[in-house]
Amino acid sequence: MAKKGQAREYVFLECTVCGRRNYRTSKNMKAGYKLELKKYCRWDRQHTVHKERKK
């Protein structure tokens, strides 16, 4: 949870193919959108779309 006065929080990036949470990154919580990035999944051995998931 973000501390008082801070607008950043950690979120996990989950692979849309295998469902594993491979990455953790910080995000500006004031932004009104979910993070979606194309990252490398070592279990699928390819670049796949990773979507934001909470802890």
PDB file of N, CA and C in Angstrom:
ATOM      1  N   MET A   1       0.839  -1.173   0.000  1.00  0.00           N
ATOM      2  CA  MET A   1       0.000   0.000   0.000  1.00  0.00           C
ATOM      3  C   MET A   1       0.885   1.237   0.000  1.00  0.00           C
ATOM      4  N   ALA A   2       0.473   2.215  -0.736  1.00  0.00           N
ATOM      5  CA  ALA A   2       1.240   3.444  -0.819  1.00  0.00           C
ATOM      6  C   ALA A   2       1.133   4.226   0.483  1.00  0.00           C
ATOM      7  N   LYS A   3       2.245   4.839   0.869  1.00  0.00           N
ATOM      8  CA  LYS A   3       2.252   5.655   2.077  1.00  0.00           C
ATOM      9  C   LYS A   3       1.540   6.976   1.811  1.00  0.00           C
ATOM     10  N   LYS A   4       1.191   7.664   2.887  1.00  0.00           N
ATOM     11  CA  LYS A   4       0.506   8.933   2.754  1.00  0.00           C
ATOM     12  C   LYS A   4       1.390   9.924   2.005  1.00  0.00           C
ATOM     13  N   GLY A   5       0.846  10.544   0.996  1.00  0.00           N
ATOM     14  CA  GLY A   5       1.597  11.507   0.216  1.00  0.00           C
ATOM     15  C   GLY A   5       2.324  10.904  -0.979  1.00  0.00           C
ATOM     16  N   GLN A   6       2.340   9.575  -1.091  1.00  0.00           N
ATOM     17  CA  GLN A   6       2.993   8.930  -2.224  1.00  0.00           C
ATOM     18  C   GLN A   6       1.937   8.393  -3.181  1.00  0.00           C
ATOM     19  N   ALA A   7       2.211   8.491  -4.452  1.00  0.00           N
ATOM     20  CA  ALA A   7       1.257   8.061  -5.452  1.00  0.00           C
ATOM     21  C   ALA A   7       1.745   6.841  -6.220  1.00  0.00           C
ATOM     22  N   ARG A   8       2.793   6.148  -5.707  1.00  0.00           N
ATOM     23  CA  ARG A   8       3.329   4.980  -6.397  1.00  0.00           C
ATOM     24  C   ARG A   8       3.121   3.744  -5.551  1.00  0.00           C
ATOM     25  N   GLU A   9       2.863   2.624  -6.224  1.00  0.00           N
ATOM     26  CA  GLU A   9       2.649   1.359  -5.538  1.00  0.00           C
ATOM     27  C   GLU A   9       3.181   0.238  -6.415  1.00  0.00           C
ATOM     28  N   TYR A  10       3.620  -0.864  -5.786  1.00  0.00           N
ATOM     29  CA  TYR A  10       4.121  -2.008  -6.539  1.00  0.00           C
ATOM     30  C   TYR A  10       2.966  -2.841  -7.073  1.00  0.00           C
ATOM     31  N   VAL A  11       3.092  -3.276  -8.313  1.00  0.00           N
ATOM     32  CA  VAL A  11       2.134  -4.182  -8.936  1.00  0.00           C
ATOM     33  C   VAL A  11       2.919  -5.306  -9.610  1.00  0.00           C
ATOM     34  N   PHE A  12       2.275  -6.442  -9.791  1.00  0.00           N
ATOM     35  CA  PHE A  12       2.885  -7.577 -10.463  1.00  0.00           C
ATOM     36  C   PHE A  12       2.389  -7.638 -11.899  1.00  0.00           C
ATOM     37  N   LEU A  13       3.272  -8.084 -12.797  1.00  0.00           N
ATOM     38  CA  LEU A  13       2.886  -8.284 -14.189  1.00  0.00           C
ATOM     39  C   LEU A  13       2.737  -9.782 -14.416  1.00  0.00           C
ATOM     40  N   GLU A  14       1.549 -10.190 -14.838  1.00  0.00           N
ATOM     41  CA  GLU A  14       1.212 -11.603 -15.014  1.00  0.00           C
ATOM     42  C   GLU A  14       1.124 -11.929 -16.501  1.00  0.00           C
ATOM     43  N   CYS A  15       1.752 -13.035 -16.889  1.00  0.00           N
ATOM     44  CA  CYS A  15       1.730 -13.488 -18.284  1.00  0.00           C
ATOM     45  C   CYS A  15       0.315 -13.898 -18.660  1.00  0.00           C
ATOM     46  N   THR A  16      -0.154 -13.482 -19.835  1.00  0.00           N
ATOM     47  CA  THR A  16      -1.500 -13.827 -20.271  1.00  0.00           C
ATOM     48  C   THR A  16      -1.570 -15.249 -20.832  1.00  0.00           C
ATOM     49  N   VAL A  17      -0.415 -15.841 -21.173  1.00  0.00           N
ATOM     50  CA  VAL A  17      -0.398 -17.190 -21.736  1.00  0.00           C
ATOM     51  C   VAL A  17      -0.341 -18.246 -20.640  1.00  0.00           C
ATOM     52  N   CYS A  18       0.661 -18.162 -19.762  1.00  0.00           N
ATOM     53  CA  CYS A  18       0.835 -19.203 -18.744  1.00  0.00           C
ATOM     54  C   CYS A  18       0.227 -18.818 -17.393  1.00  0.00           C
ATOM     55  N   GLY A  19      -0.016 -17.524 -17.148  1.00  0.00           N
ATOM     56  CA  GLY A  19      -0.632 -17.086 -15.906  1.00  0.00           C
ATOM     57  C   GLY A  19       0.323 -16.878 -14.747  1.00  0.00           C
ATOM     58  N   ARG A  20       1.623 -16.973 -14.986  1.00  0.00           N
ATOM     59  CA  ARG A  20       2.602 -16.771 -13.910  1.00  0.00           C
ATOM     60  C   ARG A  20       2.941 -15.299 -13.767  1.00  0.00           C
ATOM     61  N   ARG A  21       3.236 -14.912 -12.535  1.00  0.00           N
ATOM     62  CA  ARG A  21       3.613 -13.525 -12.253  1.00  0.00           C
ATOM     63  C   ARG A  21       5.134 -13.430 -12.318  1.00  0.00           C
ATOM     64  N   ASN A  22       5.640 -12.869 -13.402  1.00  0.00           N
ATOM     65  CA  ASN A  22       7.069 -12.874 -13.684  1.00  0.00           C
ATOM     66  C   ASN A  22       7.787 -11.592 -13.280  1.00  0.00           C
ATOM     67  N   TYR A  23       7.099 -10.473 -13.230  1.00  0.00           N
ATOM     68  CA  TYR A  23       7.741  -9.188 -12.999  1.00  0.00           C
ATOM     69  C   TYR A  23       7.005  -8.403 -11.919  1.00  0.00           C
ATOM     70  N   ARG A  24       7.759  -7.539 -11.203  1.00  0.00           N
ATOM     71  CA  ARG A  24       7.189  -6.608 -10.243  1.00  0.00           C
ATOM     72  C   ARG A  24       7.703  -5.236 -10.598  1.00  0.00           C
ATOM     73  N   THR A  25       6.824  -4.258 -10.658  1.00  0.00           N
ATOM     74  CA  THR A  25       7.215  -2.908 -11.023  1.00  0.00           C
ATOM     75  C   THR A  25       6.376  -1.918 -10.233  1.00  0.00           C
ATOM     76  N   SER A  26       6.812  -0.671 -10.178  1.00  0.00           N
ATOM     77  CA  SER A  26       6.030   0.356  -9.502  1.00  0.00           C
ATOM     78  C   SER A  26       5.194   1.099 -10.533  1.00  0.00           C
ATOM     79  N   LYS A  27       4.060   1.607 -10.070  1.00  0.00           N
ATOM     80  CA  LYS A  27       3.122   2.273 -10.966  1.00  0.00           C
ATOM     81  C   LYS A  27       2.543   3.494 -10.278  1.00  0.00           C
ATOM     82  N   ASN A  28       2.308   4.529 -11.023  1.00  0.00           N
ATOM     83  CA  ASN A  28       1.630   5.710 -10.513  1.00  0.00           C
ATOM     84  C   ASN A  28       0.158   5.359 -10.338  1.00  0.00           C
ATOM     85  N   MET A  29      -0.323   5.368  -9.098  1.00  0.00           N
ATOM     86  CA  MET A  29      -1.687   4.924  -8.818  1.00  0.00           C
ATOM     87  C   MET A  29      -2.728   5.974  -9.196  1.00  0.00           C
ATOM     88  N   LYS A  30      -2.304   7.183  -9.485  1.00  0.00           N
ATOM     89  CA  LYS A  30      -3.253   8.207  -9.917  1.00  0.00           C
ATOM     90  C   LYS A  30      -3.680   7.992 -11.361  1.00  0.00           C
ATOM     91  N   ALA A  31      -2.899   7.233 -12.101  1.00  0.00           N
ATOM     92  CA  ALA A  31      -3.243   6.927 -13.492  1.00  0.00           C
ATOM     93  C   ALA A  31      -4.454   5.994 -13.485  1.00  0.00           C
ATOM     94  N   GLY A  32      -5.393   6.239 -14.340  1.00  0.00           N
ATOM     95  CA  GLY A  32      -6.634   5.480 -14.335  1.00  0.00           C
ATOM     96  C   GLY A  32      -6.645   4.328 -15.325  1.00  0.00           C
ATOM     97  N   TYR A  33      -5.534   3.658 -15.520  1.00  0.00           N
ATOM     98  CA  TYR A  33      -5.491   2.555 -16.482  1.00  0.00           C
ATOM     99  C   TYR A  33      -4.668   1.405 -15.909  1.00  0.00           C
ATOM    100  N   LYS A  34      -4.866   0.203 -16.454  1.00  0.00           N
ATOM    101  CA  LYS A  34      -4.074  -0.956 -16.053  1.00  0.00           C
ATOM    102  C   LYS A  34      -2.876  -1.081 -16.978  1.00  0.00           C
ATOM    103  N   LEU A  35      -1.749  -1.434 -16.383  1.00  0.00           N
ATOM    104  CA  LEU A  35      -0.514  -1.571 -17.122  1.00  0.00           C
ATOM    105  C   LEU A  35      -0.537  -2.838 -17.965  1.00  0.00           C
ATOM    106  N   GLU A  36      -0.080  -2.747 -19.215  1.00  0.00           N
ATOM    107  CA  GLU A  36      -0.029  -3.893 -20.120  1.00  0.00           C
ATOM    108  C   GLU A  36       1.220  -3.744 -20.991  1.00  0.00           C
ATOM    109  N   LEU A  37       2.192  -4.647 -20.786  1.00  0.00           N
ATOM    110  CA  LEU A  37       3.465  -4.559 -21.497  1.00  0.00           C
ATOM    111  C   LEU A  37       3.799  -5.889 -22.154  1.00  0.00           C
ATOM    112  N   LYS A  38       4.573  -5.833 -23.224  1.00  0.00           N
ATOM    113  CA  LYS A  38       5.055  -7.047 -23.867  1.00  0.00           C
ATOM    114  C   LYS A  38       6.427  -7.356 -23.288  1.00  0.00           C
ATOM    115  N   LYS A  39       6.526  -8.444 -22.510  1.00  0.00           N
ATOM    116  CA  LYS A  39       7.753  -8.815 -21.812  1.00  0.00           C
ATOM    117  C   LYS A  39       8.099 -10.269 -22.130  1.00  0.00           C
ATOM    118  N   TYR A  40       9.326 -10.658 -21.778  1.00  0.00           N
ATOM    119  CA  TYR A  40       9.778 -12.030 -22.025  1.00  0.00           C
ATOM    120  C   TYR A  40       9.301 -12.951 -20.899  1.00  0.00           C
ATOM    121  N   CYS A  41       8.704 -14.081 -21.256  1.00  0.00           N
ATOM    122  CA  CYS A  41       8.283 -15.091 -20.293  1.00  0.00           C
ATOM    123  C   CYS A  41       9.241 -16.266 -20.418  1.00  0.00           C
ATOM    124  N   ARG A  42       9.966 -16.569 -19.342  1.00  0.00           N
ATOM    125  CA  ARG A  42      10.978 -17.625 -19.435  1.00  0.00           C
ATOM    126  C   ARG A  42      10.371 -19.017 -19.454  1.00  0.00           C
ATOM    127  N   TRP A  43       9.110 -19.162 -19.037  1.00  0.00           N
ATOM    128  CA  TRP A  43       8.471 -20.476 -19.091  1.00  0.00           C
ATOM    129  C   TRP A  43       7.930 -20.766 -20.487  1.00  0.00           C
ATOM    130  N   ASP A  44       7.467 -19.741 -21.178  1.00  0.00           N
ATOM    131  CA  ASP A  44       6.997 -19.915 -22.564  1.00  0.00           C
ATOM    132  C   ASP A  44       8.127 -19.726 -23.569  1.00  0.00           C
ATOM    133  N   ARG A  45       9.237 -19.141 -23.115  1.00  0.00           N
ATOM    134  CA  ARG A  45      10.411 -18.859 -23.943  1.00  0.00           C
ATOM    135  C   ARG A  45      10.085 -17.985 -25.153  1.00  0.00           C
ATOM    136  N   GLN A  46       9.269 -16.965 -24.913  1.00  0.00           N
ATOM    137  CA  GLN A  46       8.927 -16.017 -25.958  1.00  0.00           C
ATOM    138  C   GLN A  46       8.403 -14.733 -25.322  1.00  0.00           C
ATOM    139  N   HIS A  47       8.308 -13.687 -26.119  1.00  0.00           N
ATOM    140  CA  HIS A  47       7.746 -12.436 -25.635  1.00  0.00           C
ATOM    141  C   HIS A  47       6.226 -12.538 -25.692  1.00  0.00           C
ATOM    142  N   THR A  48       5.581 -12.267 -24.567  1.00  0.00           N
ATOM    143  CA  THR A  48       4.123 -12.320 -24.478  1.00  0.00           C
ATOM    144  C   THR A  48       3.625 -11.062 -23.779  1.00  0.00           C
ATOM    145  N   VAL A  49       2.330 -10.829 -23.868  1.00  0.00           N
ATOM    146  CA  VAL A  49       1.716  -9.684 -23.195  1.00  0.00           C
ATOM    147  C   VAL A  49       1.588 -10.014 -21.714  1.00  0.00           C
ATOM    148  N   HIS A  50       2.021  -9.090 -20.871  1.00  0.00           N
ATOM    149  CA  HIS A  50       1.902  -9.220 -19.420  1.00  0.00           C
ATOM    150  C   HIS A  50       0.985  -8.111 -18.933  1.00  0.00           C
ATOM    151  N   LYS A  51      -0.028  -8.472 -18.138  1.00  0.00           N
ATOM    152  CA  LYS A  51      -0.986  -7.502 -17.619  1.00  0.00           C
ATOM    153  C   LYS A  51      -0.799  -7.312 -16.128  1.00  0.00           C
ATOM    154  N   GLU A  52      -1.199  -6.154 -15.660  1.00  0.00           N
ATOM    155  CA  GLU A  52      -1.059  -5.798 -14.256  1.00  0.00           C
ATOM    156  C   GLU A  52      -2.021  -6.606 -13.385  1.00  0.00           C
ATOM    157  N   ARG A  53      -1.491  -7.102 -12.261  1.00  0.00           N
ATOM    158  CA  ARG A  53      -2.296  -7.790 -11.256  1.00  0.00           C
ATOM    159  C   ARG A  53      -1.873  -7.274  -9.894  1.00  0.00           C
ATOM    160  N   LYS A  54      -2.800  -7.195  -8.971  1.00  0.00           N
ATOM    161  CA  LYS A  54      -2.482  -6.784  -7.597  1.00  0.00           C
ATOM    162  C   LYS A  54      -1.816  -7.938  -6.880  1.00  0.00           C
ATOM    163  N   LYS A  55      -1.313  -7.698  -5.684  1.00  0.00           N
ATOM    164  CA  LYS A  55      -0.628  -8.724  -4.893  1.00  0.00           C
ATOM    165  C   LYS A  55      -1.527  -9.835  -4.581  1.00  0.00           C
TER     166      LYS A  55
END
